[in-house]
C-alpha atoms as a PDB file:
ATOM      1  CA  MET A   1     133.482  91.804  92.078  1.00  0.00           C
ATOM      2  CA  SER A   2     134.163  92.109  95.804  1.00  0.00           C
ATOM      3  CA  THR A   3     135.845  95.480  96.202  1.00  0.00           C
ATOM      4  CA  GLY A   4     136.921  97.730  99.028  1.00  0.00           C
ATOM      5  CA  ALA A   5     138.926  97.111 102.154  1.00  0.00           C
ATOM      6  CA  ALA A   6     137.629  96.129 105.575  1.00  0.00           C
ATOM      7  CA  ARG A   7     137.201  98.770 108.276  1.00  0.00           C
ATOM      8  CA  GLN A   8     140.520  99.792 109.806  1.00  0.00           C
ATOM      9  CA  THR A   9     139.464 102.758 111.926  1.00  0.00           C
ATOM     10  CA  PRO A  10     139.061 102.134 115.671  1.00  0.00           C
ATOM     11  CA  VAL A  11     135.707 100.737 116.791  1.00  0.00           C
ATOM     12  CA  PRO A  12     134.700 102.356 120.084  1.00  0.00           C
ATOM     13  CA  GLY A  13     132.552 100.353 122.463  1.00  0.00           C
ATOM     14  CA  TRP A  14     132.935  96.856 121.031  1.00  0.00           C
ATOM     15  CA  GLU A  15     134.681  94.091 122.955  1.00  0.00           C
ATOM     16  CA  ARG A  16     135.328  90.629 121.542  1.00  0.00           C
ATOM     17  CA  GLY A  17     133.505  87.984 123.537  1.00  0.00           C
ATOM     18  CA  THR A  18     131.032  90.529 124.909  1.00  0.00           C
ATOM     19  CA  GLY A  19     129.852  92.496 121.914  1.00  0.00           C
ATOM     20  CA  TRP A  20     128.173  95.848 122.516  1.00  0.00           C
ATOM     21  CA  GLY A  21     125.474  96.178 125.174  1.00  0.00           C
ATOM     22  CA  TRP A  22     124.288  99.010 127.432  1.00  0.00           C
ATOM     23  CA  ILE A  23     127.612 100.831 127.487  1.00  0.00           C
ATOM     24  CA  TRP A  24     126.921 104.283 126.054  1.00  0.00           C
ATOM     25  CA  GLY A  25     125.366 106.004 129.052  1.00  0.00           C
ATOM     26  CA  ASP A  26     122.007 106.069 130.826  1.00  0.00           C
ATOM     27  CA  ASP A  27     120.384 108.317 128.229  1.00  0.00           C
ATOM     28  CA  ASP A  28     121.721 106.629 125.094  1.00  0.00           C
ATOM     29  CA  GLN A  29     119.218 105.845 122.342  1.00  0.00           C
ATOM     30  CA  ALA A  30     121.503 104.882 119.435  1.00  0.00           C
ATOM     31  CA  GLY A  31     123.209 101.674 120.582  1.00  0.00           C
ATOM     32  CA  ALA A  32     125.983 100.241 118.430  1.00  0.00           C
ATOM     33  CA  LEU A  33     125.516 103.006 115.851  1.00  0.00           C
ATOM     34  CA  ASN A  34     127.557 105.151 118.247  1.00  0.00           C
ATOM     35  CA  ALA A  35     130.566 103.363 116.755  1.00  0.00           C
ATOM     36  CA  ILE A  36     130.059 105.200 113.456  1.00  0.00           C
ATOM     37  CA  THR A  37     132.638 107.977 113.639  1.00  0.00           C
ATOM     38  CA  PRO A  38     133.696 110.750 111.254  1.00  0.00           C
ATOM     39  CA  ALA A  39     136.821 108.745 110.467  1.00  0.00           C
ATOM     40  CA  SER A  40     134.855 105.570 109.733  1.00  0.00           C
ATOM     41  CA  VAL A  41     132.467 107.483 107.454  1.00  0.00           C
ATOM     42  CA  VAL A  42     135.375 108.864 105.432  1.00  0.00           C
ATOM     43  CA  GLU A  43     136.888 105.384 105.281  1.00  0.00           C
ATOM     44  CA  SER A  44     133.615 103.812 104.082  1.00  0.00           C
ATOM     45  CA  LEU A  45     133.093 106.434 101.391  1.00  0.00           C
ATOM     46  CA  SER A  46     136.669 105.999 100.232  1.00  0.00           C
ATOM     47  CA  THR A  47     135.914 102.364  99.319  1.00  0.00           C
ATOM     48  CA  VAL A  48     133.646 103.528  96.476  1.00  0.00           C
ATOM     49  CA  ALA A  49     135.669 102.977  93.311  1.00  0.00           C
ATOM     50  CA  GLU A  50     133.203 102.623  90.425  1.00  0.00           C
ATOM     51  CA  GLY A  51     130.375 104.961  91.400  1.00  0.00           C
ATOM     52  CA  ARG A  52     127.755 102.258  90.869  1.00  0.00           C
ATOM     53  CA  THR A  53     124.589 102.515  92.962  1.00  0.00           C
ATOM     54  CA  PHE A  54     122.413  99.571  94.009  1.00  0.00           C
ATOM     55  CA  ASP A  55     118.911 100.378  95.227  1.00  0.00           C
ATOM     56  CA  LEU A  56     118.141  98.173  98.242  1.00  0.00           C
ATOM     57  CA  GLY A  57     114.638  99.562  98.814  1.00  0.00           C
ATOM     58  CA  LEU A  58     111.329  97.976  97.838  1.00  0.00           C
ATOM     59  CA  THR A  59     108.382  99.592  96.093  1.00  0.00           C
ATOM     60  CA  ILE A  60     105.270  99.084  98.197  1.00  0.00           C
ATOM     61  CA  GLU A  61     101.521  99.513  97.775  1.00  0.00           C
ATOM     62  CA  ARG A  62      98.288  98.416  99.430  1.00  0.00           C
ATOM     63  CA  GLN A  63      98.650  94.817  98.164  1.00  0.00           C
ATOM     64  CA  SER A  64     102.295  94.347  99.156  1.00  0.00           C
ATOM     65  CA  PHE A  65     103.324  91.390 101.297  1.00  0.00           C
ATOM     66  CA  ILE A  66     103.556  92.175 105.000  1.00  0.00           C
ATOM     67  CA  PRO A  67     103.478  89.836 108.026  1.00  0.00           C
ATOM     68  CA  ALA A  68     100.084  89.443 109.678  1.00  0.00           C
ATOM     69  CA  ALA A  69     101.160  91.388 112.785  1.00  0.00           C
ATOM     70  CA  HIS A  70     101.118  94.650 110.812  1.00  0.00           C
ATOM     71  CA  CYS A  71      98.458  96.621 108.959  1.00  0.00           C
ATOM     72  CA  SER A  72      98.517  96.963 105.193  1.00  0.00           C
ATOM     73  CA  THR A  73      99.327 100.162 103.326  1.00  0.00           C
ATOM     74  CA  GLU A  74      96.558 102.466 102.187  1.00  0.00           C
ATOM     75  CA  VAL A  75      97.102 105.555 100.031  1.00  0.00           C
ATOM     76  CA  VAL A  76      93.981 107.719  99.936  1.00  0.00           C
ATOM     77  CA  ALA A  77      93.431 110.793  97.796  1.00  0.00           C
ATOM     78  CA  TYR A  78      93.047 113.704 100.195  1.00  0.00           C
ATOM     79  CA  ARG A  79      92.876 116.800  97.969  1.00  0.00           C
ATOM     80  CA  THR A  80      92.316 116.566  94.230  1.00  0.00           C
ATOM     81  CA  PRO A  81      91.970 119.145  91.428  1.00  0.00           C
ATOM     82  CA  ARG A  82      88.277 118.246  91.081  1.00  0.00           C
ATOM     83  CA  GLY A  83      87.631 118.544  94.791  1.00  0.00           C
ATOM     84  CA  LEU A  84      89.496 121.819  95.227  1.00  0.00           C
ATOM     85  CA  ARG A  85      87.500 123.390  92.396  1.00  0.00           C
ATOM     86  CA  SER A  86      84.054 122.031  93.235  1.00  0.00           C
ATOM     87  CA  GLN A  87      84.086 122.277  97.026  1.00  0.00           C
ATOM     88  CA  THR A  88      85.288 125.907  97.088  1.00  0.00           C
ATOM     89  CA  ASP A  89      86.495 125.479 100.673  1.00  0.00           C
ATOM     90  CA  PHE A  90      90.067 126.491  99.882  1.00  0.00           C
ATOM     91  CA  PRO A  91      89.985 129.927  98.227  1.00  0.00           C
ATOM     92  CA  GLY A  92      92.088 130.537  95.151  1.00  0.00           C
ATOM     93  CA  PHE A  93      91.620 127.243  93.327  1.00  0.00           C
ATOM     94  CA  GLU A  94      88.146 127.651  91.821  1.00  0.00           C
ATOM     95  CA  ASP A  95      89.363 128.416  88.281  1.00  0.00           C
ATOM     96  CA  PRO A  96      88.873 125.241  86.163  1.00  0.00           C
ATOM     97  CA  GLU A  97      91.758 126.302  83.933  1.00  0.00           C
ATOM     98  CA  GLY A  98      94.076 127.385  86.747  1.00  0.00           C
ATOM     99  CA  VAL A  99      96.629 125.677  88.933  1.00  0.00           C
ATOM    100  CA  SER A 100      95.549 122.894  91.283  1.00  0.00           C
ATOM    101  CA  PHE A 101      97.042 120.017  93.289  1.00  0.00           C
ATOM    102  CA  ASN A 102      96.890 116.354  94.216  1.00  0.00           C
ATOM    103  CA  THR A 103      97.770 115.368  97.805  1.00  0.00           C
ATOM    104  CA  SER A 104      97.345 112.023  99.553  1.00  0.00           C
ATOM    105  CA  MET A 105      96.845 110.639 103.033  1.00  0.00           C
ATOM    106  CA  VAL A 106      98.927 107.527 103.768  1.00  0.00           C
ATOM    107  CA  VAL A 107      97.943 104.915 106.357  1.00  0.00           C
ATOM    108  CA  ILE A 108     100.869 102.586 106.874  1.00  0.00           C
ATOM    109  CA  SER A 109     102.537 100.272 109.371  1.00  0.00           C
ATOM    110  CA  ASP A 110     105.923 101.426 110.603  1.00  0.00           C
ATOM    111  CA  HIS A 111     107.205  97.979 109.593  1.00  0.00           C
ATOM    112  CA  THR A 112     106.261  98.252 105.939  1.00  0.00           C
ATOM    113  CA  GLY A 113     108.746  97.730 103.140  1.00  0.00           C
ATOM    114  CA  THR A 114     112.491  98.044 103.564  1.00  0.00           C
ATOM    115  CA  GLN A 115     113.087  98.833 107.205  1.00  0.00           C
ATOM    116  CA  ILE A 116     115.430  99.081 110.160  1.00  0.00           C
ATOM    117  CA  ASP A 117     114.026  98.127 113.539  1.00  0.00           C
ATOM    118  CA  GLY A 118     114.272 100.787 116.201  1.00  0.00           C
ATOM    119  CA  LEU A 119     115.781  99.748 119.523  1.00  0.00           C
ATOM    120  CA  CYS A 120     112.374 100.169 121.190  1.00  0.00           C
ATOM    121  CA  HIS A 121     110.761  97.560 118.937  1.00  0.00           C
ATOM    122  CA  ALA A 122     111.432  94.452 121.027  1.00  0.00           C
ATOM    123  CA  THR A 123     110.709  94.294 124.742  1.00  0.00           C
ATOM    124  CA  PHE A 124     111.338  91.584 127.315  1.00  0.00           C
ATOM    125  CA  GLY A 125     110.241  90.576 130.795  1.00  0.00           C
ATOM    126  CA  ALA A 126     107.388  91.485 133.098  1.00  0.00           C
ATOM    127  CA  ASP A 127     108.495  95.124 133.048  1.00  0.00           C
ATOM    128  CA  ASN A 128     108.478  95.213 129.222  1.00  0.00           C
ATOM    129  CA  HIS A 129     111.965  96.687 129.124  1.00  0.00           C
ATOM    130  CA  TRP A 130     113.894  97.408 125.977  1.00  0.00           C
ATOM    131  CA  TYR A 131     117.396  98.582 125.137  1.00  0.00           C
ATOM    132  CA  ASN A 132     119.279 100.500 127.826  1.00  0.00           C
ATOM    133  CA  GLY A 133     116.678  99.812 130.507  1.00  0.00           C
ATOM    134  CA  TYR A 134     113.823 101.854 129.087  1.00  0.00           C
ATOM    135  CA  THR A 135     110.504 100.374 130.196  1.00  0.00           C
ATOM    136  CA  ASP A 136     106.882 100.603 129.201  1.00  0.00           C
ATOM    137  CA  ASP A 137     106.068 102.347 132.488  1.00  0.00           C
ATOM    138  CA  ARG A 138     108.775 104.948 131.930  1.00  0.00           C
ATOM    139  CA  SER A 139     108.718 105.468 128.167  1.00  0.00           C
ATOM    140  CA  GLY A 140     105.548 103.893 126.792  1.00  0.00           C
ATOM    141  CA  ARG A 141     102.880 106.195 125.375  1.00  0.00           C
ATOM    142  CA  ASP A 142      99.710 105.797 123.298  1.00  0.00           C
ATOM    143  CA  PHE A 143     101.329 107.601 120.367  1.00  0.00           C
ATOM    144  CA  GLY A 144     104.680 105.861 120.360  1.00  0.00           C
ATOM    145  CA  PRO A 145     107.567 105.233 122.754  1.00  0.00           C
ATOM    146  CA  THR A 146     109.441 108.314 123.927  1.00  0.00           C
ATOM    147  CA  ASP A 147     112.881 106.681 124.186  1.00  0.00           C
ATOM    148  CA  ALA A 148     115.027 104.719 121.711  1.00  0.00           C
ATOM    149  CA  ALA A 149     112.330 105.042 119.045  1.00  0.00           C
ATOM    150  CA  ALA A 150     113.231 104.993 115.369  1.00  0.00           C
ATOM    151  CA  GLU A 151     113.731 108.736 114.981  1.00  0.00           C
ATOM    152  CA  ASN A 152     116.940 108.115 116.929  1.00  0.00           C
ATOM    153  CA  ILE A 153     118.408 105.873 114.211  1.00  0.00           C
ATOM    154  CA  ARG A 154     121.423 107.897 113.214  1.00  0.00           C
ATOM    155  CA  PRO A 155     122.426 108.459 109.576  1.00  0.00           C
ATOM    156  CA  ILE A 156     124.209 105.247 108.619  1.00  0.00           C
ATOM    157  CA  VAL A 157     127.306 105.236 106.409  1.00  0.00           C
ATOM    158  CA  VAL A 158     129.206 101.999 106.962  1.00  0.00           C
ATOM    159  CA  ASN A 159     131.062  99.235 105.200  1.00  0.00           C
ATOM    160  CA  GLY A 160     128.567  96.574 104.147  1.00  0.00           C
ATOM    161  CA  VAL A 161     129.285  92.894 103.538  1.00  0.00           C
ATOM    162  CA  LEU A 162     126.906  90.595 101.645  1.00  0.00           C
ATOM    163  CA  ALA A 163     126.610  86.974 102.742  1.00  0.00           C
ATOM    164  CA  ASP A 164     124.844  85.364  99.781  1.00  0.00           C
ATOM    165  CA  VAL A 165     123.792  82.184 101.559  1.00  0.00           C
ATOM    166  CA  ALA A 166     121.408  81.059  98.821  1.00  0.00           C
ATOM    167  CA  GLY A 167     124.087  81.595  96.182  1.00  0.00           C
ATOM    168  CA  HIS A 168     126.690  79.758  98.245  1.00  0.00           C
ATOM    169  CA  LEU A 169     124.373  76.747  98.550  1.00  0.00           C
ATOM    170  CA  GLY A 170     123.574  76.856  94.828  1.00  0.00           C
ATOM    171  CA  VAL A 171     119.831  77.423  95.239  1.00  0.00           C
ATOM    172  CA  ASP A 172     117.513  80.183  94.075  1.00  0.00           C
ATOM    173  CA  GLU A 173     116.080  80.608  97.543  1.00  0.00           C
ATOM    174  CA  LEU A 174     116.294  78.953 100.921  1.00  0.00           C
ATOM    175  CA  GLU A 175     113.551  76.627 102.059  1.00  0.00           C
ATOM    176  CA  ALA A 176     110.894  77.742 104.500  1.00  0.00           C
ATOM    177  CA  SER A 177     112.236  77.949 108.073  1.00  0.00           C
ATOM    178  CA  PHE A 178     115.791  77.255 106.910  1.00  0.00           C
ATOM    179  CA  ALA A 179     118.096  78.002 109.854  1.00  0.00           C
ATOM    180  CA  ILE A 180     121.315  79.902 109.081  1.00  0.00           C
ATOM    181  CA  ASP A 181     123.887  79.307 111.807  1.00  0.00           C
ATOM    182  CA  GLU A 182     127.315  80.840 112.301  1.00  0.00           C
ATOM    183  CA  THR A 183     129.080  77.921 110.609  1.00  0.00           C
ATOM    184  CA  LEU A 184     127.138  78.478 107.400  1.00  0.00           C
ATOM    185  CA  LEU A 185     127.681  82.250 107.560  1.00  0.00           C
ATOM    186  CA  ALA A 186     131.422  81.761 108.016  1.00  0.00           C
ATOM    187  CA  ALA A 187     131.563  79.269 105.145  1.00  0.00           C
ATOM    188  CA  THR A 188     129.605  81.638 102.890  1.00  0.00           C
ATOM    189  CA  LEU A 189     131.918  84.563 103.600  1.00  0.00           C
ATOM    190  CA  ALA A 190     135.013  82.387 103.109  1.00  0.00           C
ATOM    191  CA  ALA A 191     133.723  81.099  99.760  1.00  0.00           C
ATOM    192  CA  GLN A 192     133.135  84.697  98.659  1.00  0.00           C
ATOM    193  CA  GLY A 193     136.647  85.683  99.724  1.00  0.00           C
ATOM    194  CA  VAL A 194     135.467  88.305 102.234  1.00  0.00           C
ATOM    195  CA  ASP A 195     135.207  88.641 105.984  1.00  0.00           C
ATOM    196  CA  LEU A 196     133.288  90.870 108.362  1.00  0.00           C
ATOM    197  CA  ALA A 197     135.412  93.307 110.355  1.00  0.00           C
ATOM    198  CA  PRO A 198     134.302  94.926 113.633  1.00  0.00           C
ATOM    199  CA  GLY A 199     132.137  97.971 112.998  1.00  0.00           C
ATOM    200  CA  GLU A 200     130.747  96.704 109.681  1.00  0.00           C
ATOM    201  CA  ALA A 201     127.208  95.694 108.654  1.00  0.00           C
ATOM    202  CA  LEU A 202     126.253  92.212 107.451  1.00  0.00           C
ATOM    203  CA  PHE A 203     123.508  91.559 104.881  1.00  0.00           C
ATOM    204  CA  VAL A 204     122.173  88.005 104.565  1.00  0.00           C
ATOM    205  CA  ARG A 205     120.598  86.935 101.270  1.00  0.00           C
ATOM    206  CA  THR A 206     118.041  84.111 101.398  1.00  0.00           C
ATOM    207  CA  GLY A 207     116.659  84.726  97.895  1.00  0.00           C
ATOM    208  CA  ALA A 208     113.163  85.480  99.205  1.00  0.00           C
ATOM    209  CA  LEU A 209     112.854  88.817  97.407  1.00  0.00           C
ATOM    210  CA  ARG A 210     113.297  87.277  93.977  1.00  0.00           C
ATOM    211  CA  HIS A 211     109.500  86.962  94.304  1.00  0.00           C
ATOM    212  CA  TRP A 212     108.844  90.649  95.039  1.00  0.00           C
ATOM    213  CA  ALA A 213     108.407  91.354  91.312  1.00  0.00           C
ATOM    214  CA  GLY A 214     107.353  94.971  91.448  1.00  0.00           C
ATOM    215  CA  THR A 215     105.290  95.508  94.579  1.00  0.00           C
ATOM    216  CA  GLY A 216     105.256  92.158  96.380  1.00  0.00           C
ATOM    217  CA  ARG A 217     101.746  91.006  95.501  1.00  0.00           C
ATOM    218  CA  ASP A 218     102.540  87.278  95.428  1.00  0.00           C
ATOM    219  CA  HIS A 219     102.108  86.627  99.137  1.00  0.00           C
ATOM    220  CA  GLN A 220     102.125  82.849  98.737  1.00  0.00           C
ATOM    221  CA  ALA A 221     105.496  82.782  96.985  1.00  0.00           C
ATOM    222  CA  LEU A 222     107.031  85.194  99.489  1.00  0.00           C
ATOM    223  CA  ALA A 223     105.659  83.638 102.673  1.00  0.00           C
ATOM    224  CA  GLY A 224     107.738  80.446 102.517  1.00  0.00           C
ATOM    225  CA  PRO A 225     111.305  81.690 102.045  1.00  0.00           C
ATOM    226  CA  ASP A 226     110.505  84.735 104.185  1.00  0.00           C
ATOM    227  CA  THR A 227     110.684  82.433 107.235  1.00  0.00           C
ATOM    228  CA  ALA A 228     114.325  81.484 106.594  1.00  0.00           C
ATOM    229  CA  GLY A 229     116.810  83.359 108.721  1.00  0.00           C
ATOM    230  CA  ILE A 230     119.619  83.425 111.220  1.00  0.00           C
ATOM    231  CA  THR A 231     119.691  81.568 114.521  1.00  0.00           C
ATOM    232  CA  LEU A 232     120.382  83.033 117.954  1.00  0.00           C
ATOM    233  CA  SER A 233     123.820  81.418 117.943  1.00  0.00           C
ATOM    234  CA  ALA A 234     124.556  83.146 114.623  1.00  0.00           C
ATOM    235  CA  ALA A 235     123.443  86.478 116.079  1.00  0.00           C
ATOM    236  CA  ARG A 236     125.715  85.965 119.086  1.00  0.00           C
ATOM    237  CA  TRP A 237     128.629  85.163 116.798  1.00  0.00           C
ATOM    238  CA  LEU A 238     128.000  88.262 114.706  1.00  0.00           C
ATOM    239  CA  ALA A 239     127.782  90.600 117.696  1.00  0.00           C
ATOM    240  CA  GLU A 240     130.332  89.083 120.056  1.00  0.00           C
ATOM    241  CA  GLU A 241     132.968  87.633 117.715  1.00  0.00           C
ATOM    242  CA  LYS A 242     132.651  89.670 114.515  1.00  0.00           C
ATOM    243  CA  GLY A 243     131.525  93.051 115.868  1.00  0.00           C
ATOM    244  CA  ALA A 244     128.591  93.594 113.501  1.00  0.00           C
ATOM    245  CA  ILE A 245     127.202  97.120 113.925  1.00  0.00           C
ATOM    246  CA  LEU A 246     124.020  96.238 111.985  1.00  0.00           C
ATOM    247  CA  VAL A 247     122.614  92.907 110.807  1.00  0.00           C
ATOM    248  CA  ALA A 248     120.131  92.830 107.923  1.00  0.00           C
ATOM    249  CA  SER A 249     118.511  90.452 105.456  1.00  0.00           C
ATOM    250  CA  ASP A 250     116.004  90.215 102.626  1.00  0.00           C
ATOM    251  CA  THR A 251     113.263  88.800 104.855  1.00  0.00           C
ATOM    252  CA  SER A 252     110.730  90.512 107.101  1.00  0.00           C
ATOM    253  CA  THR A 253     112.156  89.102 110.350  1.00  0.00           C
ATOM    254  CA  LEU A 254     115.905  88.460 109.791  1.00  0.00           C
ATOM    255  CA  GLU A 255     115.628  85.535 112.207  1.00  0.00           C
ATOM    256  CA  VAL A 256     114.432  82.036 111.367  1.00  0.00           C
ATOM    257  CA  VAL A 257     110.745  81.365 112.085  1.00  0.00           C
ATOM    258  CA  PRO A 258     109.982  79.402 114.187  1.00  0.00           C
ATOM    259  CA  PRO A 259     113.170  79.850 116.214  1.00  0.00           C
ATOM    260  CA  ALA A 260     115.765  77.081 116.112  1.00  0.00           C
ATOM    261  CA  ASP A 261     117.331  77.981 119.454  1.00  0.00           C
ATOM    262  CA  GLY A 262     116.756  80.348 122.368  1.00  0.00           C
ATOM    263  CA  ASP A 263     114.007  80.362 124.995  1.00  0.00           C
ATOM    264  CA  ASN A 264     111.420  82.750 123.563  1.00  0.00           C
ATOM    265  CA  ALA A 265     109.432  83.365 120.373  1.00  0.00           C
ATOM    266  CA  SER A 266     111.875  85.904 118.900  1.00  0.00           C
ATOM    267  CA  PRO A 267     115.286  85.251 120.444  1.00  0.00           C
ATOM    268  CA  VAL A 268     117.290  87.127 117.793  1.00  0.00           C
ATOM    269  CA  HIS A 269     115.179  90.267 118.170  1.00  0.00           C
ATOM    270  CA  LYS A 270     115.526  90.081 121.951  1.00  0.00           C
ATOM    271  CA  TYR A 271     119.269  89.517 121.821  1.00  0.00           C
ATOM    272  CA  LEU A 272     120.260  92.044 119.145  1.00  0.00           C
ATOM    273  CA  LEU A 273     117.823  94.861 119.927  1.00  0.00           C
ATOM    274  CA  VAL A 274     117.364  94.570 123.698  1.00  0.00           C
ATOM    275  CA  ASP A 275     120.632  93.090 124.943  1.00  0.00           C
ATOM    276  CA  GLN A 276     123.146  94.352 122.416  1.00  0.00           C
ATOM    277  CA  GLY A 277     121.651  97.542 120.991  1.00  0.00           C
ATOM    278  CA  VAL A 278     122.337  96.329 117.452  1.00  0.00           C
ATOM    279  CA  HIS A 279     119.783  97.463 114.873  1.00  0.00           C
ATOM    280  CA  MET A 280     118.202  94.907 112.555  1.00  0.00           C
ATOM    281  CA  GLY A 281     117.507  95.569 108.882  1.00  0.00           C
ATOM    282  CA  GLU A 282     114.698  93.744 107.116  1.00  0.00           C
ATOM    283  CA  LEU A 283     113.342  93.394 103.566  1.00  0.00           C
ATOM    284  CA  HIS A 284     116.490  94.769 101.956  1.00  0.00           C
ATOM    285  CA  TYR A 285     116.570  93.990  98.237  1.00  0.00           C
ATOM    286  CA  LEU A 286     119.846  92.124  97.699  1.00  0.00           C
ATOM    287  CA  GLU A 287     119.221  90.448  94.329  1.00  0.00           C
ATOM    288  CA  ASP A 288     121.160  92.954  92.225  1.00  0.00           C
ATOM    289  CA  LEU A 289     124.114  92.985  94.611  1.00  0.00           C
ATOM    290  CA  ALA A 290     124.292  89.197  94.459  1.00  0.00           C
ATOM    291  CA  ALA A 291     124.014  89.116  90.666  1.00  0.00           C
ATOM    292  CA  ALA A 292     126.886  91.593  90.401  1.00  0.00           C
ATOM    293  CA  GLY A 293     128.995  89.678  92.926  1.00  0.00           C
ATOM    294  CA  ALA A 294     129.275  92.849  94.997  1.00  0.00           C
ATOM    295  CA  HIS A 295     130.106  91.315  98.336  1.00  0.00           C
ATOM    296  CA  ARG A 296     131.659  94.517  99.739  1.00  0.00           C
ATOM    297  CA  PHE A 297     130.128  97.967  99.425  1.00  0.00           C
ATOM    298  CA  CYS A 298     129.422 101.233 101.194  1.00  0.00           C
ATOM    299  CA  TYR A 299     125.960 101.138 102.780  1.00  0.00           C
ATOM    300  CA  VAL A 300     124.043 104.403 103.203  1.00  0.00           C
ATOM    301  CA  ALA A 301     120.682 104.575 104.988  1.00  0.00           C
ATOM    302  CA  LEU A 302     118.531 107.365 106.406  1.00  0.00           C
ATOM    303  CA  ALA A 303     115.450 106.543 108.492  1.00  0.00           C
ATOM    304  CA  PRO A 304     112.356 108.782 108.556  1.00  0.00           C
ATOM    305  CA  LYS A 305     112.382 111.113 111.557  1.00  0.00           C
ATOM    306  CA  ILE A 306     108.852 110.437 112.779  1.00  0.00           C
ATOM    307  CA  ARG A 307     108.790 110.603 116.550  1.00  0.00           C
ATOM    308  CA  GLY A 308     107.535 107.486 118.301  1.00  0.00           C
ATOM    309  CA  THR A 309     107.864 105.074 115.383  1.00  0.00           C
ATOM    310  CA  THR A 310     109.244 101.644 116.171  1.00  0.00           C
ATOM    311  CA  ALA A 311     111.147 101.199 112.910  1.00  0.00           C
ATOM    312  CA  GLY A 312     112.515 103.193 110.037  1.00  0.00           C
ATOM    313  CA  PHE A 313     110.112 102.085 107.287  1.00  0.00           C
ATOM    314  CA  ALA A 314     109.468 102.418 103.551  1.00  0.00           C
ATOM    315  CA  MET A 315     113.170 103.178 103.289  1.00  0.00           C
ATOM    316  CA  ARG A 316     115.387 103.400 100.226  1.00  0.00           C
ATOM    317  CA  PRO A 317     118.914 102.590 101.383  1.00  0.00           C
ATOM    318  CA  ILE A 318     121.659 102.230  98.807  1.00  0.00           C
ATOM    319  CA  ALA A 319     124.855 100.275  98.321  1.00  0.00           C
ATOM    320  CA  LEU A 320     127.740 102.041  96.586  1.00  0.00           C
ATOM    321  CA  VAL A 321     130.682 100.265  94.924  1.00  0.00           C
END
């Protein structure tokens, strides 16, 4: 059911063999998303032919799977009808038969659920620099980085391409620490009859989220396939040869764990976020897209505008066909 044409509108900033990089000015905080233009938005929306919507977001709760580096989600009742009436500290709500309210306090990691990493998320070197030369000394604060944080993730309306790697290999899910290189990505796209054009977003399906089953409580089932992902060489190919404006997957890291190439613990994060300014999407639910054979779609995502966050989190992006 692959529908829609590849991006034809000009792609400012991208150069084959080089990719993107720190090219948008000293104060830029958006990276490759600068290549989303009014013309490209109109073009992406024009690919929608059927009006079908695929929800790529996950439902999360306090017991949802999340990597150990992040805190779990806690939703705590803050004001309740009983409390408002019995405590009498908020005038006007004492009447037991009158109007009242429930409100909650949410404690959550900014890498919970469906997410897009902000360009400040990964740092490198003794100066802890991130995209565009921002450093911890210059832009680090106790309550979140002041530059290239996730509130700067622009509204995203782009052509999306699904690379169903698990489906191409004829398996339900990839094995733990399965490394997806550029050769396998190219073969997957060719078998699906699609390609990735410059200025488009790629979504890699490993099959890991077939285990989410509501709210992701089965940590053991999720933990294995969640470590499958792309290699550094695949990331280089996507940025420098294909012109990917965003790279995403159905795992919590996008990249294979442990790394298969590169010279640090998270080479794909360092390369895409720090060097290229290409945002990374994680824990995108791709099962329904794959089942429908929707390998081309219009991707729409809006990140929460919470200053100082390091990722757009608990998101609900959609794919339109």
